[in-house]
Amino acid sequence: VARTRFSRYPVPAECQSGTAGQLFGFLAEAVESFLKEHGMLGLRPQPLYPLGFTFSFPCRQQRVDRGTLISWTKGYATSGVEGKDVVELLHAALQRRALPVRVSALCNDTVG
């Protein structure tokens, strides 16, 4: 039986209107904080953790683990994201921090 763990990390306003690097860097930092908080880093052997990435903006979802942002809504205006695969952007940010996490599913709850 899997144990569900969660924490909340509100996205700062400067990430909502900054760059893709700022936004996805913040998300990777939040994932790292979560892993540390729950004692999930530095294990031997170190597991690779699957991550379900909920992204509540209009995307063209090509596969379960891929999705291209069509346009920002909800007041976001982060540059360098529209037309890009948000999973790849998050994956790159996670790799820069050498985190043992793989996005296994993009959970897009946007309708309409």
C-alpha atoms as a PDB file:
ATOM      1  CA  VAL A   1       0.000   0.000   0.000  1.00  0.00           C
ATOM      2  CA  ALA A   2       1.414   3.374  -1.035  1.00  0.00           C
ATOM      3  CA  ARG A   3       1.483   6.190   1.477  1.00  0.00           C
ATOM      4  CA  THR A   4       0.247   9.535   0.204  1.00  0.00           C
ATOM      5  CA  ARG A   5       2.233  12.577   1.283  1.00  0.00           C
ATOM      6  CA  PHE A   6       1.587  16.171   0.362  1.00  0.00           C
ATOM      7  CA  SER A   7       2.682  19.718   1.086  1.00  0.00           C
ATOM      8  CA  ARG A   8       1.582  23.088  -0.286  1.00  0.00           C
ATOM      9  CA  TYR A   9       3.945  25.536  -1.967  1.00  0.00           C
ATOM     10  CA  PRO A  10       2.144  28.679  -3.206  1.00  0.00           C
ATOM     11  CA  VAL A  11       3.670  30.013  -6.425  1.00  0.00           C
ATOM     12  CA  PRO A  12       5.143  33.491  -5.797  1.00  0.00           C
ATOM     13  CA  ALA A  13       3.850  36.352  -7.944  1.00  0.00           C
ATOM     14  CA  GLU A  14       7.302  36.921  -9.453  1.00  0.00           C
ATOM     15  CA  CYS A  15       7.216  33.375 -10.871  1.00  0.00           C
ATOM     16  CA  GLN A  16       3.739  33.918 -12.316  1.00  0.00           C
ATOM     17  CA  SER A  17       4.986  36.844 -14.391  1.00  0.00           C
ATOM     18  CA  GLY A  18       8.695  35.993 -14.678  1.00  0.00           C
ATOM     19  CA  THR A  19      10.510  33.502 -16.862  1.00  0.00           C
ATOM     20  CA  ALA A  20      10.129  29.786 -17.475  1.00  0.00           C
ATOM     21  CA  GLY A  21      13.399  29.285 -15.595  1.00  0.00           C
ATOM     22  CA  GLN A  22      12.021  31.062 -12.540  1.00  0.00           C
ATOM     23  CA  LEU A  23       8.727  29.183 -12.512  1.00  0.00           C
ATOM     24  CA  PHE A  24      10.070  25.694 -13.140  1.00  0.00           C
ATOM     25  CA  GLY A  25      13.069  26.383 -10.902  1.00  0.00           C
ATOM     26  CA  PHE A  26      10.625  27.210  -8.102  1.00  0.00           C
ATOM     27  CA  LEU A  27       8.690  24.002  -8.769  1.00  0.00           C
ATOM     28  CA  ALA A  28      11.894  21.919  -8.664  1.00  0.00           C
ATOM     29  CA  GLU A  29      12.922  23.673  -5.443  1.00  0.00           C
ATOM     30  CA  ALA A  30       9.518  22.799  -3.949  1.00  0.00           C
ATOM     31  CA  VAL A  31       9.950  19.149  -4.954  1.00  0.00           C
ATOM     32  CA  GLU A  32      13.403  19.120  -3.368  1.00  0.00           C
ATOM     33  CA  SER A  33      12.017  20.660  -0.159  1.00  0.00           C
ATOM     34  CA  PHE A  34       9.295  18.028  -0.086  1.00  0.00           C
ATOM     35  CA  LEU A  35      11.773  15.171  -0.543  1.00  0.00           C
ATOM     36  CA  LYS A  36      13.993  16.527   2.230  1.00  0.00           C
ATOM     37  CA  GLU A  37      11.061  17.157   4.564  1.00  0.00           C
ATOM     38  CA  HIS A  38       9.929  13.554   4.217  1.00  0.00           C
ATOM     39  CA  GLY A  39      13.398  11.959   4.430  1.00  0.00           C
ATOM     40  CA  MET A  40      13.305  10.751   0.839  1.00  0.00           C
ATOM     41  CA  LEU A  41      16.795  11.876  -0.286  1.00  0.00           C
ATOM     42  CA  GLY A  42      20.152  10.269   0.403  1.00  0.00           C
ATOM     43  CA  LEU A  43      18.785   6.733   0.595  1.00  0.00           C
ATOM     44  CA  ARG A  44      20.894   3.761  -0.520  1.00  0.00           C
ATOM     45  CA  PRO A  45      19.865   2.694  -3.026  1.00  0.00           C
ATOM     46  CA  GLN A  46      18.156   5.957  -3.970  1.00  0.00           C
ATOM     47  CA  PRO A  47      14.733   5.225  -5.504  1.00  0.00           C
ATOM     48  CA  LEU A  48      13.506   7.093  -8.553  1.00  0.00           C
ATOM     49  CA  TYR A  49      10.200   8.677  -7.546  1.00  0.00           C
ATOM     50  CA  PRO A  50       7.302   8.956 -10.018  1.00  0.00           C
ATOM     51  CA  LEU A  51       5.561  12.338  -9.997  1.00  0.00           C
ATOM     52  CA  GLY A  52       2.075  13.226 -11.159  1.00  0.00           C
ATOM     53  CA  PHE A  53       2.277  16.859 -12.308  1.00  0.00           C
ATOM     54  CA  THR A  54      -1.064  18.665 -12.075  1.00  0.00           C
ATOM     55  CA  PHE A  55      -0.991  21.593 -14.495  1.00  0.00           C
ATOM     56  CA  SER A  56      -4.243  23.549 -14.608  1.00  0.00           C
ATOM     57  CA  PHE A  57      -3.760  25.485 -17.840  1.00  0.00           C
ATOM     58  CA  PRO A  58      -4.862  24.726 -21.421  1.00  0.00           C
ATOM     59  CA  CYS A  59      -2.489  22.164 -22.927  1.00  0.00           C
ATOM     60  CA  ARG A  60      -2.307  20.028 -25.998  1.00  0.00           C
ATOM     61  CA  GLN A  61      -1.614  16.705 -24.342  1.00  0.00           C
ATOM     62  CA  GLN A  62       0.107  14.327 -26.758  1.00  0.00           C
ATOM     63  CA  ARG A  63       0.816  11.528 -24.265  1.00  0.00           C
ATOM     64  CA  VAL A  64       0.192  10.846 -20.608  1.00  0.00           C
ATOM     65  CA  ASP A  65       3.582  12.403 -19.807  1.00  0.00           C
ATOM     66  CA  ARG A  66       3.703  15.202 -22.381  1.00  0.00           C
ATOM     67  CA  GLY A  67       1.777  18.439 -22.826  1.00  0.00           C
ATOM     68  CA  THR A  68       2.327  21.708 -24.646  1.00  0.00           C
ATOM     69  CA  LEU A  69       0.973  24.884 -23.061  1.00  0.00           C
ATOM     70  CA  ILE A  70      -1.481  26.532 -25.449  1.00  0.00           C
ATOM     71  CA  SER A  71      -1.912  29.773 -23.494  1.00  0.00           C
ATOM     72  CA  TRP A  72      -1.743  31.118 -19.980  1.00  0.00           C
ATOM     73  CA  THR A  73      -4.893  31.898 -17.977  1.00  0.00           C
ATOM     74  CA  LYS A  74      -5.615  32.877 -14.347  1.00  0.00           C
ATOM     75  CA  GLY A  75      -3.319  35.894 -14.469  1.00  0.00           C
ATOM     76  CA  TYR A  76      -0.141  33.981 -15.323  1.00  0.00           C
ATOM     77  CA  ALA A  77       2.159  35.528 -17.936  1.00  0.00           C
ATOM     78  CA  THR A  78       5.389  33.550 -17.458  1.00  0.00           C
ATOM     79  CA  SER A  79       7.540  33.991 -20.560  1.00  0.00           C
ATOM     80  CA  GLY A  80       9.085  31.125 -22.489  1.00  0.00           C
ATOM     81  CA  VAL A  81       6.418  28.527 -21.718  1.00  0.00           C
ATOM     82  CA  GLU A  82       3.617  28.923 -24.284  1.00  0.00           C
ATOM     83  CA  GLY A  83       4.171  26.433 -27.094  1.00  0.00           C
ATOM     84  CA  LYS A  84       6.584  24.369 -24.973  1.00  0.00           C
ATOM     85  CA  ASP A  85       6.216  20.965 -23.327  1.00  0.00           C
ATOM     86  CA  VAL A  86       5.708  21.736 -19.627  1.00  0.00           C
ATOM     87  CA  VAL A  87       6.849  18.247 -18.599  1.00  0.00           C
ATOM     88  CA  GLU A  88      10.177  18.775 -20.384  1.00  0.00           C
ATOM     89  CA  LEU A  89      10.583  22.163 -18.676  1.00  0.00           C
ATOM     90  CA  LEU A  90       9.946  20.621 -15.259  1.00  0.00           C
ATOM     91  CA  HIS A  91      12.162  17.624 -16.010  1.00  0.00           C
ATOM     92  CA  ALA A  92      15.059  19.933 -16.958  1.00  0.00           C
ATOM     93  CA  ALA A  93      14.629  21.904 -13.719  1.00  0.00           C
ATOM     94  CA  LEU A  94      14.580  18.665 -11.684  1.00  0.00           C
ATOM     95  CA  GLN A  95      17.736  17.471 -13.465  1.00  0.00           C
ATOM     96  CA  ARG A  96      19.560  20.735 -12.691  1.00  0.00           C
ATOM     97  CA  ARG A  97      19.023  19.897  -9.014  1.00  0.00           C
ATOM     98  CA  ALA A  98      19.932  16.212  -9.592  1.00  0.00           C
ATOM     99  CA  LEU A  99      16.643  15.094  -8.054  1.00  0.00           C
ATOM    100  CA  PRO A 100      15.596  11.432  -8.324  1.00  0.00           C
ATOM    101  CA  VAL A 101      12.173  12.254  -9.761  1.00  0.00           C
ATOM    102  CA  ARG A 102      10.527  11.421 -13.083  1.00  0.00           C
ATOM    103  CA  VAL A 103       7.256  12.957 -14.217  1.00  0.00           C
ATOM    104  CA  SER A 104       5.175   9.893 -15.009  1.00  0.00           C
ATOM    105  CA  ALA A 105       1.898  11.703 -15.710  1.00  0.00           C
ATOM    106  CA  LEU A 106       0.726  15.165 -16.629  1.00  0.00           C
ATOM    107  CA  CYS A 107      -2.620  15.640 -14.905  1.00  0.00           C
ATOM    108  CA  ASN A 108      -4.353  18.392 -16.832  1.00  0.00           C
ATOM    109  CA  ASP A 109      -7.666  19.308 -15.236  1.00  0.00           C
ATOM    110  CA  THR A 110      -8.530  22.154 -17.612  1.00  0.00           C
ATOM    111  CA  VAL A 111     -11.761  21.824 -19.540  1.00  0.00           C
ATOM    112  CA  GLY A 112     -13.310  23.816 -22.325  1.00  0.00           C
END
